[in-house]
Amino acid sequence: MQLRSWILCVAVLAGASPVAAQNGYKPTAVAAEPGENHLRNVLQLTDGGENAEAYFSHDGRRLIFQSTREGRTCDQQYIMNADGSQVHRVSNGLGKTTCGYFMDGDRRIFYASSDALERDCPPRPDASKGYVWRLDPFDIYTARPDGSNRKRLTHFGVYTAEGVLSPGGRKIVFTSLKDGDLDIYVMNADGTHVVQLTRQLGYDGGPWWSPDGKQIVYRAYHPHTDADVASYKELLAQRLVRPNKMDLWIMNADGSNQRQITHLNAASFGPSWTPDGKKIIFSSNHHTDPKLGNFDLFLINPDGSGLEQITTAPTFDGFPMFSPNGRKLVWASNRHDANPHETNLFVADWVN
């Protein structure tokens, strides 16, 4: 869930500017780009600044998302109706947040926040290190959808985020640095019984359950050469990671049978499943010069076959999720930005 927190559920898209609350903004119909044949009736839900990682409630009526607004310089969590109306903040306004999700039959939400250890927005990483993400000290919290009755689920004090609820509602899969590397874990929805699923050196993250709960798709970067291993460990010791090479992997829900399904030699991230479980949608820049920042959405079969490009805008498209009934697709994009690098949320009817 962070390539904005892209990789991280976190990733913050570099260069986006903070904006005030979008008072009175009315969602706007925009045209799909040429070749976007699966998208119809595209609607821009937000207007300006950084808005990303919008995920549907289980009834499909609401979206939880992260946004930089209200004078802040880092993300807080917001909920709005699926048509973009009634936007309201649900996190406490402290620290930095990421990776929100609905749980308990939409009666509660959970998200990651750094406010236990960092109550102010963190500085951006040193530009001299190239394009890197900061591994903020997130832990996972749960609350009511209005933000009240907040409770802390994890107490690791290091990067712990990218949580997604299992289809049955009993477990949360997430990424954490708690044992010294970026690995995927699963725990009960109340935070108990934490089990580690991945152990290979490198970044394993962005996990997402299949609709039947039997498999988990995720993104991974595993350094192999001595130089790559040394570079990865050096950045990790500084709580940084460089997300320029990631591919998609699938494993069984218990962590067994881990296998790589893409070999694109690029930054691929943000995978989630079609509601029928037959395909995976994700974002990648494998088809273009990575310096251009042009990520598009792609579909692929779980066995790695049938790669199909979905979006064609010459800019960033990422964090896709289908509505529970499969009729809508929500995603974040830099298209139609009033200022360079603004990231907004879009929803469209899905055409098979």
Protein backbone atom coordinates (compact mmCIF):
# COMPACT_ATOMS: atom_id res chain seq x y z
CA MET A 1 0.00 0.00 0.00
CA GLN A 2 3.21 2.78 0.39
CA LEU A 3 4.53 3.63 -3.21
CA ARG A 4 3.15 7.00 -2.17
CA SER A 5 3.75 5.50 0.77
CA TRP A 6 3.95 3.71 -2.76
CA ILE A 7 5.81 1.05 -1.31
CA LEU A 8 5.19 1.61 2.06
CA CYS A 9 1.47 1.95 2.15
CA VAL A 10 3.39 4.62 2.67
CA ALA A 11 5.05 6.23 0.17
CA VAL A 12 4.68 9.85 -0.22
CA LEU A 13 4.76 11.10 -3.77
CA ALA A 14 7.61 13.51 -4.01
CA GLY A 15 6.80 17.03 -4.96
CA ALA A 16 3.11 17.18 -4.10
CA SER A 17 2.08 20.32 -2.30
CA PRO A 18 -0.19 20.57 0.76
CA VAL A 19 -3.59 22.20 0.32
CA ALA A 20 -6.34 23.41 2.58
CA ALA A 21 -9.51 21.40 3.05
CA GLN A 22 -11.48 21.14 -0.16
CA ASN A 23 -14.46 23.08 1.08
CA GLY A 24 -17.31 22.87 -1.37
CA TYR A 25 -15.45 20.83 -4.00
CA LYS A 26 -17.86 18.98 -6.24
CA PRO A 27 -16.57 15.76 -7.85
CA THR A 28 -16.02 16.31 -11.55
CA ALA A 29 -16.56 14.06 -14.55
CA VAL A 30 -13.41 13.70 -16.65
CA ALA A 31 -12.71 11.85 -19.88
CA ALA A 32 -10.85 8.57 -19.87
CA GLU A 33 -7.59 8.59 -21.80
CA PRO A 34 -7.39 6.96 -25.25
CA GLY A 35 -7.02 3.21 -24.83
CA GLU A 36 -8.58 3.09 -21.36
CA ASN A 37 -11.29 0.79 -22.61
CA HIS A 38 -12.10 -0.74 -19.22
CA LEU A 39 -12.96 2.66 -17.69
CA ARG A 40 -16.21 4.54 -18.18
CA ASN A 41 -17.83 7.51 -16.41
CA VAL A 42 -14.58 8.59 -14.74
CA LEU A 43 -15.13 10.88 -11.75
CA GLN A 44 -12.44 12.95 -10.00
CA LEU A 45 -13.20 12.77 -6.28
CA THR A 46 -10.59 15.16 -4.82
CA ASP A 47 -8.99 18.38 -5.98
CA GLY A 48 -5.39 19.23 -5.21
CA GLY A 49 -2.51 18.23 -2.97
CA GLU A 50 -1.74 14.64 -1.99
CA ASN A 51 -4.60 12.12 -1.91
CA ALA A 52 -4.00 8.39 -2.22
CA GLU A 53 -4.68 4.86 -1.05
CA ALA A 54 -8.47 5.02 -1.20
CA TYR A 55 -10.07 1.72 -0.18
CA PHE A 56 -13.74 0.75 -0.26
CA SER A 57 -15.83 -0.14 2.75
CA HIS A 58 -17.26 -3.64 2.65
CA ASP A 59 -20.69 -2.32 1.62
CA GLY A 60 -19.08 -0.25 -1.16
CA ARG A 61 -20.63 3.00 0.06
CA ARG A 62 -17.58 4.73 1.57
CA LEU A 63 -13.87 5.19 0.99
CA ILE A 64 -11.09 5.63 3.53
CA PHE A 65 -8.00 7.44 2.22
CA GLN A 66 -4.93 9.40 3.25
CA SER A 67 -4.52 13.06 2.42
CA THR A 68 -2.29 16.05 3.12
CA ARG A 69 -4.58 19.02 3.71
CA GLU A 70 -5.82 21.39 6.44
CA GLY A 71 -2.39 23.03 6.60
CA ARG A 72 -0.50 19.82 7.40
CA THR A 73 2.63 18.67 5.63
CA CYS A 74 2.00 14.91 5.94
CA ASP A 75 -0.93 12.53 5.64
CA GLN A 76 -3.94 12.06 7.90
CA GLN A 77 -6.82 9.62 7.41
CA TYR A 78 -10.16 10.68 5.94
CA ILE A 79 -13.44 9.01 5.05
CA MET A 80 -15.86 10.12 2.35
CA ASN A 81 -18.83 8.68 0.53
CA ALA A 82 -17.99 6.76 -2.63
CA ASP A 83 -19.27 9.70 -4.70
CA GLY A 84 -16.78 12.07 -3.03
CA SER A 85 -19.24 13.76 -0.66
CA GLN A 86 -19.04 14.25 3.12
CA VAL A 87 -15.26 14.21 3.52
CA HIS A 88 -14.18 14.16 7.16
CA ARG A 89 -10.95 13.45 9.03
CA VAL A 90 -10.92 10.35 11.23
CA SER A 91 -7.34 10.35 12.56
CA ASN A 92 -6.28 12.65 15.40
CA GLY A 93 -4.20 15.12 13.38
CA LEU A 94 -0.92 14.13 15.05
CA GLY A 95 2.08 12.46 13.47
CA LYS A 96 1.82 10.85 10.05
CA THR A 97 -0.70 8.19 9.03
CA THR A 98 -1.05 5.68 6.21
CA CYS A 99 -2.89 2.58 5.01
CA GLY A 100 -6.46 2.87 6.25
CA TYR A 101 -8.97 0.03 5.97
CA PHE A 102 -12.49 -0.83 7.13
CA MET A 103 -13.15 -3.70 9.55
CA ASP A 104 -15.82 -5.25 11.78
CA GLY A 105 -18.60 -4.98 9.20
CA ASP A 106 -17.66 -1.33 8.56
CA ARG A 107 -18.32 -0.50 12.22
CA ARG A 108 -14.62 0.21 12.75
CA ILE A 109 -11.53 1.21 10.79
CA PHE A 110 -7.81 0.62 11.22
CA TYR A 111 -4.79 2.55 10.01
CA ALA A 112 -1.13 3.11 10.81
CA SER A 113 0.11 6.19 12.68
CA SER A 114 3.46 7.44 13.91
CA ASP A 115 2.09 9.71 16.63
CA ALA A 116 3.17 7.52 19.57
CA LEU A 117 6.80 8.33 18.78
CA GLU A 118 6.60 11.28 16.37
CA ARG A 119 3.82 13.77 16.92
CA ASP A 120 5.07 16.13 14.20
CA CYS A 121 5.38 15.48 10.49
CA PRO A 122 8.78 13.95 9.68
CA PRO A 123 11.36 15.62 7.44
CA ARG A 124 11.72 14.41 3.89
CA PRO A 125 14.69 12.08 3.27
CA ASP A 126 18.06 13.55 2.31
CA ALA A 127 17.91 14.14 -1.45
CA SER A 128 21.60 13.27 -1.77
CA LYS A 129 20.68 9.62 -1.19
CA GLY A 130 18.59 9.52 -4.36
CA TYR A 131 14.98 8.38 -4.42
CA VAL A 132 14.36 6.68 -1.08
CA TRP A 133 11.43 6.29 1.29
CA ARG A 134 11.58 6.93 5.00
CA LEU A 135 10.43 4.04 7.18
CA ASP A 136 8.42 6.02 9.71
CA PRO A 137 7.73 4.49 13.15
CA PHE A 138 4.14 3.48 12.42
CA ASP A 139 2.00 1.24 14.56
CA ILE A 140 -1.53 0.07 13.75
CA TYR A 141 -4.59 1.57 15.46
CA THR A 142 -8.30 0.89 15.27
CA ALA A 143 -11.18 3.32 15.80
CA ARG A 144 -14.80 3.95 15.01
CA PRO A 145 -15.43 5.49 11.55
CA ASP A 146 -15.81 8.91 13.18
CA GLY A 147 -12.33 8.55 14.73
CA SER A 148 -13.53 7.98 18.29
CA ASN A 149 -12.72 5.05 20.60
CA ARG A 150 -9.17 4.79 19.22
CA LYS A 151 -7.19 1.75 20.34
CA ARG A 152 -3.63 0.66 19.58
CA LEU A 153 -3.29 -2.81 18.05
CA THR A 154 0.51 -3.08 17.74
CA HIS A 155 3.31 -1.78 19.98
CA PHE A 156 6.45 -2.37 17.93
CA GLY A 157 7.61 1.24 17.61
CA VAL A 158 9.05 0.67 14.13
CA TYR A 159 7.56 0.69 10.65
CA THR A 160 4.37 -1.38 10.90
CA ALA A 161 1.76 -0.62 8.24
CA GLU A 162 0.21 -1.78 4.94
CA GLY A 163 -2.57 -3.63 6.73
CA VAL A 164 -5.46 -5.36 4.92
CA LEU A 165 -8.33 -7.28 6.54
CA SER A 166 -8.95 -10.89 5.56
CA PRO A 167 -12.20 -11.66 3.71
CA GLY A 168 -13.59 -13.36 6.80
CA GLY A 169 -12.73 -10.37 8.95
CA ARG A 170 -10.72 -12.33 11.49
CA LYS A 171 -7.13 -11.50 10.50
CA ILE A 172 -5.01 -8.57 9.37
CA VAL A 173 -2.00 -9.02 7.10
CA PHE A 174 0.63 -6.28 7.29
CA THR A 175 4.29 -5.35 6.78
CA SER A 176 6.66 -4.62 9.66
CA LEU A 177 10.30 -3.92 10.47
CA LYS A 178 9.83 -5.35 13.96
CA ASP A 179 12.34 -8.19 13.51
CA GLY A 180 14.94 -6.15 11.65
CA ASP A 181 13.82 -6.60 8.04
CA LEU A 182 10.73 -5.59 6.05
CA ASP A 183 8.62 -8.72 6.25
CA ILE A 184 4.96 -9.69 6.04
CA TYR A 185 3.05 -10.82 9.12
CA VAL A 186 -0.49 -11.84 9.95
CA MET A 187 -2.31 -11.31 13.24
CA ASN A 188 -5.79 -11.65 14.66
CA ALA A 189 -7.99 -8.61 14.12
CA ASP A 190 -7.58 -7.72 17.80
CA GLY A 191 -3.78 -7.61 17.46
CA THR A 192 -3.04 -10.96 19.08
CA HIS A 193 -1.17 -14.01 17.75
CA VAL A 194 1.31 -12.34 15.36
CA VAL A 195 2.85 -14.80 12.87
CA GLN A 196 5.69 -14.02 10.44
CA LEU A 197 5.04 -15.14 6.84
CA THR A 198 8.13 -14.01 4.88
CA ARG A 199 11.79 -14.31 5.88
CA GLN A 200 13.87 -13.65 2.76
CA LEU A 201 16.17 -10.63 3.01
CA GLY A 202 14.62 -7.61 1.32
CA TYR A 203 11.40 -5.68 1.17
CA ASP A 204 8.25 -7.83 1.28
CA GLY A 205 5.21 -5.58 1.44
CA GLY A 206 1.85 -4.43 0.13
CA PRO A 207 0.13 -7.75 0.96
CA TRP A 208 -3.46 -8.27 -0.19
CA TRP A 209 -5.74 -11.26 0.45
CA SER A 210 -7.40 -13.11 -2.40
CA PRO A 211 -11.23 -12.97 -2.21
CA ASP A 212 -11.38 -16.55 -0.89
CA GLY A 213 -8.74 -15.81 1.75
CA LYS A 214 -6.49 -18.65 0.58
CA GLN A 215 -3.70 -16.61 -1.03
CA ILE A 216 -1.86 -13.33 -0.53
CA VAL A 217 -0.32 -11.27 -3.34
CA TYR A 218 2.49 -8.87 -2.44
CA ARG A 219 5.39 -6.87 -3.85
CA ALA A 220 8.99 -7.75 -3.10
CA TYR A 221 12.57 -6.73 -3.66
CA HIS A 222 15.21 -9.29 -2.67
CA PRO A 223 18.82 -8.15 -3.19
CA HIS A 224 21.10 -10.88 -4.54
CA THR A 225 24.53 -9.43 -5.28
CA ASP A 226 26.90 -8.53 -2.46
CA ALA A 227 26.73 -4.87 -3.49
CA ASP A 228 22.92 -4.85 -3.52
CA VAL A 229 22.75 -6.57 -0.15
CA ALA A 230 25.19 -4.07 1.36
CA SER A 231 23.26 -1.11 -0.10
CA TYR A 232 19.93 -2.44 1.17
CA LYS A 233 21.27 -3.04 4.68
CA GLU A 234 22.98 0.35 4.81
CA LEU A 235 19.75 2.18 3.95
CA LEU A 236 17.70 -0.02 6.29
CA ALA A 237 19.98 0.89 9.19
CA GLN A 238 19.03 4.52 8.49
CA ARG A 239 15.32 3.56 8.31
CA LEU A 240 15.28 4.12 4.55
CA VAL A 241 14.48 1.94 1.55
CA ARG A 242 14.93 2.44 -2.20
CA PRO A 243 11.80 1.11 -4.01
CA ASN A 244 12.98 1.17 -7.62
CA LYS A 245 12.95 -2.59 -8.24
CA MET A 246 9.96 -4.64 -7.09
CA ASP A 247 8.05 -7.53 -8.57
CA LEU A 248 4.82 -9.28 -7.61
CA TRP A 249 4.79 -12.49 -5.60
CA ILE A 250 2.01 -14.79 -4.38
CA MET A 251 1.97 -17.10 -1.36
CA ASN A 252 -0.57 -19.22 0.45
CA ALA A 253 -2.25 -17.56 3.42
CA ASP A 254 0.01 -19.48 5.81
CA GLY A 255 3.16 -18.23 4.04
CA SER A 256 3.86 -21.43 2.12
CA ASN A 257 4.50 -21.77 -1.62
CA GLN A 258 5.99 -18.31 -2.17
CA ARG A 259 6.53 -17.70 -5.87
CA GLN A 260 7.33 -14.73 -8.10
CA ILE A 261 4.73 -13.98 -10.79
CA THR A 262 6.24 -10.94 -12.55
CA HIS A 263 9.77 -10.41 -13.85
CA LEU A 264 9.47 -6.82 -15.06
CA ASN A 265 12.73 -5.44 -13.64
CA ALA A 266 10.95 -2.26 -12.56
CA ALA A 267 8.90 -0.79 -9.72
CA SER A 268 5.67 -2.75 -9.55
CA PHE A 269 3.45 -2.28 -6.50
CA GLY A 270 -0.03 -1.89 -5.06
CA PRO A 271 -1.49 -5.25 -6.08
CA SER A 272 -5.08 -6.20 -5.29
CA TRP A 273 -7.49 -8.76 -6.72
CA THR A 274 -10.56 -8.61 -8.91
CA PRO A 275 -13.58 -9.64 -6.80
CA ASP A 276 -13.84 -12.98 -8.62
CA GLY A 277 -10.20 -13.78 -7.76
CA LYS A 278 -9.31 -14.47 -11.38
CA LYS A 279 -6.94 -11.53 -11.92
CA ILE A 280 -4.67 -9.13 -10.05
CA ILE A 281 -4.51 -5.39 -10.71
CA PHE A 282 -1.36 -3.42 -9.90
CA SER A 283 0.77 -0.42 -10.86
CA SER A 284 4.11 -0.49 -12.67
CA ASN A 285 6.57 1.66 -14.60
CA HIS A 286 8.17 -1.25 -16.47
CA HIS A 287 6.93 0.04 -19.82
CA THR A 288 8.57 3.46 -19.70
CA ASP A 289 11.62 5.41 -18.58
CA PRO A 290 11.48 5.36 -14.75
CA LYS A 291 12.71 8.95 -14.61
CA LEU A 292 9.39 10.07 -16.12
CA GLY A 293 7.33 8.96 -13.12
CA ASN A 294 4.83 7.33 -15.46
CA PHE A 295 3.13 4.46 -13.64
CA ASP A 296 0.13 2.74 -15.19
CA LEU A 297 -2.34 0.12 -13.99
CA PHE A 298 -2.09 -3.43 -15.33
CA LEU A 299 -4.05 -6.66 -15.00
CA ILE A 300 -2.34 -10.03 -14.77
CA ASN A 301 -3.39 -13.62 -14.10
CA PRO A 302 -2.24 -15.16 -10.80
CA ASP A 303 0.13 -17.43 -12.72
CA GLY A 304 1.88 -14.40 -14.27
CA SER A 305 0.31 -14.70 -17.73
CA GLY A 306 -2.01 -12.34 -19.60
CA LEU A 307 -0.45 -8.96 -18.74
CA GLU A 308 -2.82 -6.19 -19.91
CA GLN A 309 -2.39 -2.41 -19.62
CA ILE A 310 -5.44 -0.61 -18.16
CA THR A 311 -4.48 3.08 -17.90
CA THR A 312 -2.58 5.13 -20.45
CA ALA A 313 -2.21 8.63 -18.95
CA PRO A 314 1.43 9.81 -19.26
CA THR A 315 1.77 10.28 -15.51
CA PHE A 316 1.27 8.41 -12.21
CA ASP A 317 -1.63 5.95 -11.76
CA GLY A 318 -1.56 3.67 -8.71
CA PHE A 319 -3.24 2.15 -5.64
CA PRO A 320 -6.15 0.48 -7.49
CA MET A 321 -9.02 -1.27 -5.73
CA PHE A 322 -12.26 -2.73 -7.08
CA SER A 323 -15.55 -2.15 -5.30
CA PRO A 324 -16.91 -5.29 -3.60
CA ASN A 325 -19.34 -5.92 -6.46
CA GLY A 326 -16.64 -5.35 -9.10
CA ARG A 327 -18.55 -2.57 -10.82
CA LYS A 328 -16.24 0.29 -9.81
CA LEU A 329 -12.49 0.90 -9.74
CA VAL A 330 -10.93 3.54 -7.50
CA TRP A 331 -7.32 4.68 -7.87
CA ALA A 332 -4.93 7.60 -7.34
CA SER A 333 -3.52 9.59 -10.24
CA ASN A 334 -1.58 12.71 -11.18
CA ARG A 335 -3.81 13.19 -14.25
CA HIS A 336 -5.72 16.46 -14.54
CA ASP A 337 -3.50 18.06 -11.88
CA ALA A 338 -3.90 21.80 -11.51
CA ASN A 339 -0.32 21.98 -10.25
CA PRO A 340 2.58 19.61 -11.03
CA HIS A 341 2.62 16.36 -9.05
CA GLU A 342 -0.76 16.76 -7.37
CA THR A 343 -2.28 13.38 -6.66
CA ASN A 344 -6.04 12.96 -6.67
CA LEU A 345 -8.54 10.15 -6.33
CA PHE A 346 -10.61 8.89 -9.24
CA VAL A 347 -13.40 6.34 -9.55
CA ALA A 348 -14.81 4.82 -12.72
CA ASP A 349 -17.31 2.24 -13.86
CA TRP A 350 -15.47 -0.96 -14.77
CA VAL A 351 -16.12 -2.42 -18.22
CA ASN A 352 -15.09 -6.07 -18.72
